[in-house]
N, C-alpha and C. Protein backbone atom coordinates (compact mmCIF):
# COMPACT_ATOMS: atom_id res chain seq x y z
N MET A 1 84.31 120.54 113.92
CA MET A 1 84.67 121.30 112.74
C MET A 1 85.93 122.15 112.97
N PHE A 2 86.04 122.69 114.20
CA PHE A 2 87.21 123.51 114.53
C PHE A 2 88.49 122.68 114.49
N LYS A 3 88.40 121.42 114.96
CA LYS A 3 89.57 120.53 114.92
C LYS A 3 90.01 120.27 113.49
N ILE A 4 89.04 120.11 112.60
CA ILE A 4 89.36 119.88 111.18
C ILE A 4 90.11 121.06 110.59
N LEU A 5 89.67 122.28 110.96
CA LEU A 5 90.35 123.50 110.46
C LEU A 5 91.79 123.59 110.99
N ILE A 6 91.99 123.21 112.26
CA ILE A 6 93.34 123.25 112.83
C ILE A 6 94.25 122.24 112.13
N ILE A 7 93.74 121.02 111.94
CA ILE A 7 94.53 119.98 111.25
C ILE A 7 94.84 120.41 109.83
N GLY A 8 93.83 120.94 109.13
CA GLY A 8 94.05 121.41 107.76
C GLY A 8 95.07 122.53 107.69
N ALA A 9 95.02 123.47 108.65
CA ALA A 9 95.96 124.59 108.67
C ALA A 9 97.39 124.10 108.93
N LEU A 10 97.55 123.18 109.90
CA LEU A 10 98.88 122.64 110.20
C LEU A 10 99.45 121.89 109.00
N LEU A 11 98.59 121.10 108.36
CA LEU A 11 99.03 120.36 107.18
C LEU A 11 99.42 121.30 106.05
N GLY A 12 98.63 122.35 105.86
CA GLY A 12 98.95 123.35 104.83
C GLY A 12 100.28 124.02 105.08
N ILE A 13 100.56 124.36 106.35
CA ILE A 13 101.84 125.00 106.70
C ILE A 13 103.00 124.05 106.42
N LEU A 14 102.84 122.77 106.83
CA LEU A 14 103.90 121.79 106.59
C LEU A 14 104.18 121.62 105.09
N LEU A 15 103.13 121.49 104.30
CA LEU A 15 103.30 121.33 102.85
C LEU A 15 103.91 122.57 102.22
N TYR A 16 103.51 123.75 102.69
CA TYR A 16 104.05 125.00 102.15
C TYR A 16 105.56 125.06 102.35
N TYR A 17 106.01 124.78 103.59
CA TYR A 17 107.45 124.83 103.86
C TYR A 17 108.21 123.73 103.13
N SER A 18 107.58 122.58 102.96
CA SER A 18 108.24 121.50 102.21
C SER A 18 108.42 121.87 100.75
N PHE A 19 107.36 122.40 100.13
CA PHE A 19 107.47 122.81 98.73
C PHE A 19 108.46 123.96 98.57
N ARG A 20 108.49 124.84 99.57
CA ARG A 20 109.44 125.97 99.49
C ARG A 20 110.89 125.48 99.54
N ARG A 21 111.15 124.53 100.43
CA ARG A 21 112.50 123.94 100.50
C ARG A 21 112.85 123.23 99.21
N LEU A 22 111.88 122.52 98.67
CA LEU A 22 112.11 121.79 97.42
C LEU A 22 112.39 122.75 96.28
N LYS A 23 111.62 123.82 96.21
CA LYS A 23 111.81 124.82 95.15
C LYS A 23 113.19 125.46 95.27
N ARG A 24 113.63 125.72 96.51
CA ARG A 24 114.95 126.32 96.72
C ARG A 24 116.06 125.38 96.26
N SER A 25 115.89 124.08 96.51
CA SER A 25 116.92 123.12 96.10
C SER A 25 117.01 123.02 94.58
N PHE A 26 115.89 123.23 93.88
CA PHE A 26 115.93 123.24 92.42
C PHE A 26 116.43 124.56 91.88
N GLY A 27 116.16 125.64 92.63
CA GLY A 27 116.50 126.97 92.14
C GLY A 27 117.99 127.23 92.10
N LEU A 28 118.75 126.55 92.95
CA LEU A 28 120.20 126.76 92.96
C LEU A 28 120.84 125.95 91.84
N ALA A 29 121.29 126.65 90.82
CA ALA A 29 121.88 125.97 89.67
C ALA A 29 123.27 125.47 90.02
N SER A 30 123.56 124.25 89.67
CA SER A 30 124.88 123.69 89.94
C SER A 30 125.82 124.00 88.77
N VAL A 31 127.04 124.37 89.11
CA VAL A 31 128.04 124.69 88.10
C VAL A 31 128.64 123.38 87.60
N LYS A 32 128.64 123.21 86.29
CA LYS A 32 129.19 121.98 85.70
C LYS A 32 130.71 122.03 85.83
N LYS A 33 131.26 121.02 86.49
CA LYS A 33 132.70 120.90 86.62
C LYS A 33 133.11 119.53 86.10
N SER A 34 134.39 119.40 85.81
CA SER A 34 134.88 118.10 85.37
C SER A 34 136.15 117.77 86.14
N ARG A 35 136.33 116.47 86.38
CA ARG A 35 137.55 115.97 87.01
C ARG A 35 138.13 114.93 86.06
N PRO A 36 139.38 115.11 85.65
CA PRO A 36 139.99 114.17 84.70
C PRO A 36 139.95 112.74 85.23
N GLY A 37 139.40 111.82 84.41
CA GLY A 37 139.34 110.40 84.77
C GLY A 37 138.11 110.03 85.58
N TYR A 38 137.37 111.01 86.04
CA TYR A 38 136.20 110.75 86.89
C TYR A 38 134.90 110.97 86.12
N ILE A 39 133.87 110.22 86.52
CA ILE A 39 132.53 110.38 85.98
C ILE A 39 131.66 110.95 87.10
N ALA A 40 130.95 112.04 86.81
CA ALA A 40 130.06 112.63 87.81
C ALA A 40 128.80 111.78 87.93
N LEU A 41 128.46 111.40 89.17
CA LEU A 41 127.21 110.68 89.42
C LEU A 41 126.13 111.73 89.66
N GLU A 42 125.30 111.92 88.66
CA GLU A 42 124.28 112.96 88.73
C GLU A 42 122.90 112.37 88.49
N VAL A 43 121.90 113.11 88.90
CA VAL A 43 120.52 112.70 88.65
C VAL A 43 120.11 113.27 87.29
N ASP A 44 119.39 112.47 86.53
CA ASP A 44 118.93 112.88 85.21
C ASP A 44 117.70 113.78 85.37
N SER A 45 117.61 114.82 84.53
CA SER A 45 116.48 115.76 84.64
C SER A 45 115.15 115.05 84.37
N ALA A 46 115.14 114.07 83.48
CA ALA A 46 113.90 113.33 83.20
C ALA A 46 113.47 112.53 84.44
N ASP A 47 114.44 111.95 85.15
CA ASP A 47 114.12 111.21 86.37
C ASP A 47 113.61 112.16 87.46
N THR A 48 114.19 113.36 87.51
CA THR A 48 113.75 114.36 88.49
C THR A 48 112.31 114.78 88.22
N LYS A 49 112.01 115.05 86.96
CA LYS A 49 110.63 115.45 86.60
C LYS A 49 109.64 114.33 86.90
N ARG A 50 110.06 113.10 86.61
CA ARG A 50 109.19 111.94 86.88
C ARG A 50 108.94 111.80 88.38
N ALA A 51 109.99 112.01 89.19
CA ALA A 51 109.85 111.92 90.65
C ALA A 51 108.93 113.00 91.18
N ILE A 52 109.06 114.22 90.65
CA ILE A 52 108.20 115.33 91.10
C ILE A 52 106.75 115.07 90.71
N ARG A 53 106.55 114.64 89.46
CA ARG A 53 105.19 114.37 88.99
C ARG A 53 104.54 113.25 89.81
N SER A 54 105.29 112.18 90.02
CA SER A 54 104.78 111.04 90.77
C SER A 54 104.44 111.43 92.20
N THR A 55 105.33 112.21 92.82
CA THR A 55 105.12 112.64 94.20
C THR A 55 103.93 113.59 94.30
N ALA A 56 103.80 114.47 93.32
CA ALA A 56 102.66 115.40 93.33
C ALA A 56 101.34 114.65 93.27
N VAL A 57 101.26 113.61 92.43
CA VAL A 57 100.03 112.81 92.33
C VAL A 57 99.78 112.07 93.65
N THR A 58 100.84 111.52 94.25
CA THR A 58 100.69 110.79 95.51
C THR A 58 100.23 111.72 96.63
N VAL A 59 100.87 112.90 96.73
CA VAL A 59 100.50 113.86 97.77
C VAL A 59 99.07 114.35 97.54
N GLY A 60 98.70 114.58 96.29
CA GLY A 60 97.33 114.99 95.97
C GLY A 60 96.31 113.94 96.37
N THR A 61 96.65 112.68 96.08
CA THR A 61 95.77 111.57 96.47
C THR A 61 95.62 111.52 97.99
N GLY A 62 96.75 111.70 98.69
CA GLY A 62 96.71 111.71 100.15
C GLY A 62 95.88 112.87 100.69
N GLY A 63 96.00 114.04 100.05
CA GLY A 63 95.23 115.20 100.48
C GLY A 63 93.73 115.00 100.29
N ILE A 64 93.35 114.44 99.14
CA ILE A 64 91.93 114.16 98.89
C ILE A 64 91.40 113.12 99.87
N LEU A 65 92.20 112.07 100.11
CA LEU A 65 91.79 111.04 101.07
C LEU A 65 91.64 111.63 102.47
N LEU A 66 92.56 112.51 102.84
CA LEU A 66 92.49 113.15 104.16
C LEU A 66 91.24 114.00 104.29
N LEU A 67 90.93 114.74 103.23
CA LEU A 67 89.72 115.57 103.24
C LEU A 67 88.47 114.72 103.40
N ILE A 68 88.41 113.61 102.67
CA ILE A 68 87.26 112.70 102.78
C ILE A 68 87.16 112.13 104.20
N ILE A 69 88.30 111.74 104.76
CA ILE A 69 88.31 111.17 106.11
C ILE A 69 87.83 112.20 107.13
N LEU A 70 88.32 113.45 107.00
CA LEU A 70 87.94 114.48 107.96
C LEU A 70 86.47 114.86 107.85
N LEU A 71 85.97 114.89 106.63
CA LEU A 71 84.56 115.27 106.44
C LEU A 71 83.59 114.15 106.82
N LEU A 72 83.91 112.91 106.39
CA LEU A 72 83.00 111.79 106.64
C LEU A 72 83.33 111.05 107.93
N GLY A 73 84.56 111.24 108.41
CA GLY A 73 84.98 110.51 109.61
C GLY A 73 84.22 110.89 110.86
N LEU A 74 83.64 112.10 110.86
CA LEU A 74 82.86 112.52 112.01
C LEU A 74 81.58 111.70 112.14
N LYS A 75 81.05 111.26 110.99
CA LYS A 75 79.81 110.48 111.00
C LYS A 75 80.10 108.98 110.94
N ILE A 76 81.10 108.62 110.11
CA ILE A 76 81.45 107.19 109.94
C ILE A 76 82.84 106.99 110.56
N LYS A 77 82.88 106.63 111.82
CA LYS A 77 84.14 106.56 112.58
C LYS A 77 85.14 105.55 112.01
N ILE A 78 84.64 104.53 111.32
CA ILE A 78 85.54 103.49 110.79
C ILE A 78 86.52 104.06 109.77
N LEU A 79 86.14 105.17 109.12
CA LEU A 79 87.01 105.80 108.13
C LEU A 79 88.30 106.35 108.74
N LEU A 80 88.30 106.59 110.05
CA LEU A 80 89.49 107.12 110.71
C LEU A 80 90.67 106.14 110.64
N ILE A 81 90.38 104.87 110.35
CA ILE A 81 91.44 103.87 110.17
C ILE A 81 92.34 104.26 109.00
N LEU A 82 91.78 104.95 108.01
CA LEU A 82 92.54 105.34 106.82
C LEU A 82 93.41 106.58 107.04
N LEU A 83 93.31 107.22 108.19
CA LEU A 83 94.06 108.45 108.46
C LEU A 83 95.58 108.26 108.33
N PRO A 84 96.17 107.20 108.92
CA PRO A 84 97.63 107.02 108.76
C PRO A 84 98.04 106.86 107.29
N ILE A 85 97.20 106.21 106.48
CA ILE A 85 97.53 106.03 105.07
C ILE A 85 97.56 107.38 104.36
N ALA A 86 96.56 108.22 104.65
CA ALA A 86 96.51 109.55 104.03
C ALA A 86 97.74 110.38 104.42
N LEU A 87 98.10 110.34 105.69
CA LEU A 87 99.26 111.10 106.16
C LEU A 87 100.56 110.56 105.56
N TYR A 88 100.64 109.24 105.39
CA TYR A 88 101.83 108.66 104.77
C TYR A 88 101.96 109.11 103.32
N LEU A 89 100.85 109.13 102.58
CA LEU A 89 100.89 109.58 101.19
C LEU A 89 101.32 111.04 101.10
N ILE A 90 100.80 111.87 101.98
CA ILE A 90 101.18 113.29 101.99
C ILE A 90 102.65 113.44 102.37
N GLY A 91 103.13 112.57 103.25
CA GLY A 91 104.53 112.62 103.70
C GLY A 91 105.55 112.31 102.62
N GLN A 92 105.11 111.84 101.45
CA GLN A 92 106.05 111.56 100.36
C GLN A 92 106.77 112.82 99.90
N ILE A 93 106.16 113.98 100.11
CA ILE A 93 106.82 115.24 99.74
C ILE A 93 108.11 115.43 100.55
N PHE A 94 108.12 114.95 101.80
CA PHE A 94 109.32 115.06 102.63
C PHE A 94 110.43 114.17 102.09
N LEU A 95 110.07 112.99 101.58
CA LEU A 95 111.08 112.09 101.00
C LEU A 95 111.70 112.71 99.75
N LEU A 96 110.85 113.29 98.89
CA LEU A 96 111.37 113.93 97.68
C LEU A 96 112.29 115.09 98.02
N ALA A 97 111.85 115.95 98.95
CA ALA A 97 112.66 117.09 99.36
C ALA A 97 113.99 116.63 99.95
N ASN A 98 113.95 115.56 100.75
CA ASN A 98 115.17 115.02 101.35
C ASN A 98 116.14 114.51 100.29
N GLN A 99 115.63 113.80 99.28
CA GLN A 99 116.48 113.31 98.19
C GLN A 99 117.13 114.47 97.43
N MET A 100 116.32 115.48 97.08
CA MET A 100 116.84 116.59 96.29
C MET A 100 117.84 117.43 97.08
N ASN A 101 117.60 117.62 98.37
CA ASN A 101 118.56 118.36 99.19
C ASN A 101 119.88 117.60 99.30
N ALA A 102 119.82 116.27 99.41
CA ALA A 102 121.04 115.46 99.49
C ALA A 102 121.83 115.54 98.18
N ILE A 103 121.12 115.51 97.05
CA ILE A 103 121.79 115.60 95.75
C ILE A 103 122.43 116.97 95.57
N ARG A 104 121.76 118.00 96.03
CA ARG A 104 122.30 119.36 95.91
C ARG A 104 123.51 119.56 96.84
N ARG A 105 123.45 118.96 98.03
CA ARG A 105 124.48 119.15 99.04
C ARG A 105 125.76 118.34 98.75
N GLN A 106 125.60 117.20 98.06
CA GLN A 106 126.72 116.27 97.90
C GLN A 106 126.95 115.95 96.43
N LYS A 107 128.14 116.26 95.94
CA LYS A 107 128.53 115.95 94.56
C LYS A 107 129.47 114.74 94.61
N VAL A 108 129.16 113.71 93.82
CA VAL A 108 129.93 112.46 93.87
C VAL A 108 130.55 112.19 92.49
N TRP A 109 131.83 111.80 92.50
CA TRP A 109 132.56 111.47 91.27
C TRP A 109 133.10 110.05 91.41
N PHE A 110 133.14 109.31 90.30
CA PHE A 110 133.65 107.93 90.32
C PHE A 110 134.67 107.76 89.22
N ASN A 111 135.83 107.16 89.60
CA ASN A 111 136.89 106.86 88.63
C ASN A 111 136.83 105.37 88.31
N PRO A 112 136.39 104.99 87.09
CA PRO A 112 136.25 103.56 86.77
C PRO A 112 137.58 102.81 86.73
N GLN A 113 138.69 103.52 86.44
CA GLN A 113 140.00 102.85 86.36
C GLN A 113 140.53 102.48 87.75
N THR A 114 140.43 103.43 88.69
CA THR A 114 141.01 103.20 90.02
C THR A 114 139.96 102.78 91.07
N SER A 115 138.66 102.85 90.70
CA SER A 115 137.55 102.56 91.61
C SER A 115 137.52 103.51 92.81
N ASP A 116 137.98 104.75 92.59
CA ASP A 116 137.96 105.76 93.64
C ASP A 116 136.69 106.59 93.54
N LEU A 117 136.17 106.95 94.69
CA LEU A 117 135.05 107.89 94.78
C LEU A 117 135.59 109.19 95.35
N TRP A 118 135.24 110.30 94.70
CA TRP A 118 135.58 111.62 95.23
C TRP A 118 134.26 112.30 95.60
N ILE A 119 134.15 112.71 96.85
CA ILE A 119 132.91 113.30 97.34
C ILE A 119 133.15 114.75 97.73
N GLU A 120 132.37 115.64 97.15
CA GLU A 120 132.39 117.06 97.54
C GLU A 120 131.12 117.28 98.36
N ASP A 121 131.30 117.39 99.66
CA ASP A 121 130.16 117.47 100.57
C ASP A 121 130.13 118.85 101.22
N ALA A 122 129.02 119.56 101.07
CA ALA A 122 128.89 120.90 101.63
C ALA A 122 128.95 120.89 103.16
N THR A 123 128.62 119.76 103.77
CA THR A 123 128.61 119.65 105.24
C THR A 123 129.95 119.15 105.78
N ASN A 124 130.47 118.06 105.18
CA ASN A 124 131.67 117.41 105.72
C ASN A 124 132.95 117.71 104.96
N GLY A 125 132.91 118.56 103.94
CA GLY A 125 134.10 118.86 103.15
C GLY A 125 134.34 117.79 102.09
N ASN A 126 135.48 117.89 101.42
CA ASN A 126 135.83 116.95 100.34
C ASN A 126 136.67 115.80 100.87
N TYR A 127 136.40 114.61 100.36
CA TYR A 127 137.20 113.45 100.74
C TYR A 127 137.09 112.38 99.66
N SER A 128 137.98 111.40 99.75
CA SER A 128 138.03 110.34 98.74
C SER A 128 138.06 108.99 99.42
N VAL A 129 137.38 108.00 98.81
CA VAL A 129 137.42 106.62 99.29
C VAL A 129 137.57 105.69 98.10
N ASN A 130 138.19 104.55 98.34
CA ASN A 130 138.31 103.54 97.30
C ASN A 130 137.23 102.48 97.54
N VAL A 131 136.53 102.12 96.48
CA VAL A 131 135.40 101.18 96.60
C VAL A 131 135.83 99.87 97.23
N TYR A 132 136.99 99.34 96.83
CA TYR A 132 137.40 98.00 97.29
C TYR A 132 138.26 98.04 98.54
N ARG A 133 139.01 99.12 98.76
CA ARG A 133 139.88 99.19 99.94
C ARG A 133 139.18 99.74 101.17
N ASP A 134 138.38 100.80 100.98
CA ASP A 134 137.83 101.53 102.13
C ASP A 134 136.40 101.16 102.48
N ILE A 135 135.64 100.65 101.52
CA ILE A 135 134.25 100.29 101.79
C ILE A 135 134.19 98.85 102.27
N THR A 136 133.59 98.64 103.43
CA THR A 136 133.53 97.31 104.02
C THR A 136 132.19 96.60 103.75
N ALA A 137 131.13 97.36 103.56
CA ALA A 137 129.81 96.77 103.30
C ALA A 137 128.91 97.81 102.63
N VAL A 138 127.90 97.31 101.95
CA VAL A 138 126.92 98.18 101.28
C VAL A 138 125.53 97.66 101.61
N LYS A 139 124.64 98.56 101.95
CA LYS A 139 123.24 98.17 102.15
C LYS A 139 122.34 99.21 101.50
N THR A 140 121.15 98.78 101.15
CA THR A 140 120.17 99.72 100.61
C THR A 140 119.04 99.85 101.62
N VAL A 141 118.58 101.07 101.79
CA VAL A 141 117.44 101.34 102.66
C VAL A 141 116.38 101.98 101.78
N GLY A 142 115.23 101.32 101.67
CA GLY A 142 114.17 101.81 100.81
C GLY A 142 112.86 101.97 101.56
N ALA A 143 111.98 102.78 100.98
CA ALA A 143 110.66 102.99 101.58
C ALA A 143 109.87 101.68 101.55
N ILE A 144 108.97 101.54 102.50
CA ILE A 144 108.17 100.31 102.56
C ILE A 144 107.20 100.22 101.38
N GLN A 145 106.91 101.36 100.77
CA GLN A 145 105.97 101.40 99.65
C GLN A 145 106.57 102.23 98.51
N GLN A 146 106.51 101.69 97.30
CA GLN A 146 106.98 102.44 96.14
C GLN A 146 106.01 103.57 95.84
N ASN A 147 106.56 104.75 95.56
CA ASN A 147 105.75 105.93 95.24
C ASN A 147 105.46 105.91 93.75
N ARG A 148 104.36 105.23 93.36
CA ARG A 148 104.00 105.05 91.96
C ARG A 148 105.19 104.44 91.21
N ASP A 149 105.89 105.20 90.36
CA ASP A 149 107.02 104.62 89.61
C ASP A 149 108.37 105.09 90.13
N VAL A 150 108.42 105.67 91.34
CA VAL A 150 109.68 106.11 91.93
C VAL A 150 109.86 105.42 93.27
N PHE A 151 111.07 104.86 93.48
CA PHE A 151 111.35 104.15 94.73
C PHE A 151 112.33 105.00 95.53
N PHE A 152 111.86 105.62 96.60
CA PHE A 152 112.72 106.46 97.43
C PHE A 152 113.51 105.62 98.41
N GLY A 153 114.75 106.02 98.61
CA GLY A 153 115.63 105.34 99.55
C GLY A 153 117.06 105.82 99.34
N TYR A 154 118.00 105.03 99.80
CA TYR A 154 119.41 105.40 99.62
C TYR A 154 120.30 104.17 99.72
N TYR A 155 121.50 104.32 99.15
CA TYR A 155 122.56 103.33 99.30
C TYR A 155 123.45 103.81 100.43
N GLU A 156 123.74 102.94 101.37
CA GLU A 156 124.65 103.29 102.45
C GLU A 156 125.95 102.51 102.27
N LEU A 157 127.03 103.25 101.99
CA LEU A 157 128.35 102.65 101.84
C LEU A 157 129.06 102.76 103.18
N ILE A 158 129.27 101.64 103.82
CA ILE A 158 129.92 101.63 105.14
C ILE A 158 131.43 101.54 104.93
N THR A 159 132.13 102.57 105.40
CA THR A 159 133.58 102.64 105.21
C THR A 159 134.29 102.45 106.55
N THR A 160 135.61 102.43 106.48
CA THR A 160 136.41 102.28 107.69
C THR A 160 136.30 103.51 108.60
N ASN A 161 135.87 104.66 108.02
CA ASN A 161 135.77 105.90 108.81
C ASN A 161 134.35 106.40 109.01
N GLY A 162 133.36 105.59 108.69
CA GLY A 162 131.98 106.04 108.83
C GLY A 162 131.12 105.48 107.71
N PHE A 163 130.23 106.30 107.18
CA PHE A 163 129.38 105.84 106.08
C PHE A 163 129.09 106.98 105.13
N ILE A 164 128.74 106.61 103.89
CA ILE A 164 128.35 107.54 102.85
C ILE A 164 126.96 107.12 102.37
N ARG A 165 126.05 108.07 102.31
CA ARG A 165 124.70 107.76 101.83
C ARG A 165 124.46 108.44 100.48
N LEU A 166 124.08 107.62 99.50
CA LEU A 166 123.81 108.11 98.15
C LEU A 166 122.32 107.95 97.85
N PRO A 167 121.64 109.02 97.44
CA PRO A 167 120.20 108.93 97.15
C PRO A 167 119.91 107.93 96.05
N SER A 168 118.80 107.21 96.19
CA SER A 168 118.44 106.20 95.19
C SER A 168 118.10 106.82 93.84
N LEU A 169 117.78 108.12 93.80
CA LEU A 169 117.51 108.79 92.52
C LEU A 169 118.73 108.75 91.62
N LEU A 170 119.94 108.68 92.21
CA LEU A 170 121.16 108.58 91.40
C LEU A 170 121.19 107.27 90.62
N SER A 171 120.67 106.21 91.20
CA SER A 171 120.70 104.90 90.53
C SER A 171 119.69 104.82 89.39
N GLU A 172 118.75 105.78 89.32
CA GLU A 172 117.78 105.80 88.23
C GLU A 172 118.40 106.26 86.92
N ASN A 173 119.50 107.02 87.01
CA ASN A 173 120.16 107.56 85.82
C ASN A 173 121.00 106.45 85.17
N ARG A 174 120.74 106.18 83.89
CA ARG A 174 121.45 105.09 83.19
C ARG A 174 122.94 105.36 83.06
N GLN A 175 123.35 106.63 83.11
CA GLN A 175 124.78 106.94 83.02
C GLN A 175 125.54 106.53 84.27
N ASN A 176 124.82 106.30 85.36
CA ASN A 176 125.45 105.87 86.61
C ASN A 176 125.43 104.35 86.80
N THR A 177 124.93 103.64 85.79
CA THR A 177 124.76 102.19 85.90
C THR A 177 126.07 101.48 86.22
N PHE A 178 127.16 101.91 85.58
CA PHE A 178 128.45 101.23 85.78
C PHE A 178 128.86 101.26 87.25
N PHE A 179 128.69 102.42 87.90
CA PHE A 179 129.07 102.53 89.31
C PHE A 179 128.22 101.60 90.18
N PHE A 180 126.91 101.62 90.00
CA PHE A 180 126.04 100.80 90.85
C PHE A 180 126.20 99.31 90.53
N ASP A 181 126.55 98.97 89.28
CA ASP A 181 126.88 97.59 88.95
C ASP A 181 128.16 97.16 89.65
N THR A 182 129.12 98.08 89.76
CA THR A 182 130.36 97.80 90.48
C THR A 182 130.06 97.47 91.94
N LEU A 183 129.15 98.23 92.55
CA LEU A 183 128.77 97.96 93.94
C LEU A 183 128.09 96.60 94.07
N ARG A 184 127.18 96.29 93.14
CA ARG A 184 126.46 95.01 93.20
C ARG A 184 127.39 93.82 92.98
N ASP A 185 128.38 93.99 92.10
CA ASP A 185 129.33 92.90 91.83
C ASP A 185 130.31 92.70 92.99
N GLY A 186 130.67 93.80 93.66
CA GLY A 186 131.71 93.71 94.69
C GLY A 186 131.19 93.40 96.08
N PHE A 187 129.89 93.60 96.31
CA PHE A 187 129.36 93.45 97.67
C PHE A 187 128.04 92.69 97.66
N ASP A 188 127.81 91.99 98.76
CA ASP A 188 126.51 91.36 98.98
C ASP A 188 125.61 92.41 99.63
N ILE A 189 124.81 93.08 98.81
CA ILE A 189 124.02 94.22 99.29
C ILE A 189 122.76 93.73 100.00
N LYS A 190 122.64 94.16 101.24
CA LYS A 190 121.48 93.77 102.06
C LYS A 190 120.41 94.85 101.97
N PRO A 191 119.23 94.51 101.47
CA PRO A 191 118.14 95.50 101.43
C PRO A 191 117.43 95.64 102.77
N HIS A 192 117.12 96.86 103.15
CA HIS A 192 116.37 97.14 104.37
C HIS A 192 115.20 98.05 104.01
N ARG A 193 114.19 98.04 104.84
CA ARG A 193 113.00 98.86 104.63
C ARG A 193 112.82 99.83 105.80
N ALA A 194 112.31 101.02 105.47
CA ALA A 194 112.01 102.01 106.50
C ALA A 194 110.76 102.76 106.09
N LEU A 195 110.02 103.27 107.07
CA LEU A 195 108.80 104.01 106.77
C LEU A 195 109.14 105.29 106.00
N PHE A 196 110.12 106.03 106.48
CA PHE A 196 110.61 107.22 105.80
C PHE A 196 112.14 107.14 105.75
N PRO A 197 112.72 106.60 104.68
CA PRO A 197 114.18 106.48 104.59
C PRO A 197 114.85 107.82 104.26
N LEU A 198 115.06 108.62 105.31
CA LEU A 198 115.65 109.94 105.14
C LEU A 198 117.17 109.85 105.22
N LEU A 199 117.85 110.60 104.37
CA LEU A 199 119.31 110.59 104.35
C LEU A 199 119.86 111.45 105.48
């Protein structure tokens, strides 16, 4: 019973700090700016709410499953096989927080006429790349399991000077369709899978 309390306490602390980070990323309001000729690649508020709702249900399901495993697993040992599944479901909160932090940290603009990307990155500063001149390959990295109706992952644009990672939540916004269609038309995009595709 003491082990169950320790596991529950550690899990509670992890979830608390994850939700706190997520709340902070939403709390910082972004200032609307415009760049002549460029389209801002932004996440739609409806997509954000859907991702939060979906993740909350998944994490809740994982928490209930974990509770059942911990309570009944002491008597029925076979239930411990489900422990990794419960932890994976709870871990979806980390994927959501990672996506939202990446969106908050990195502002991306696309010029449809010149096919230039302008990136304002809080970590690496501002820089520009051309989709056809500077990008050599594109791949997608997605979670092994779709989180209800949200698919977490990212687009990795491999350039001559490194790579750019764009959260998959950006591709959910219909206003960004032209940019992602440009990537699909210009490159043979290789899909990859990861347990936790963190940016």
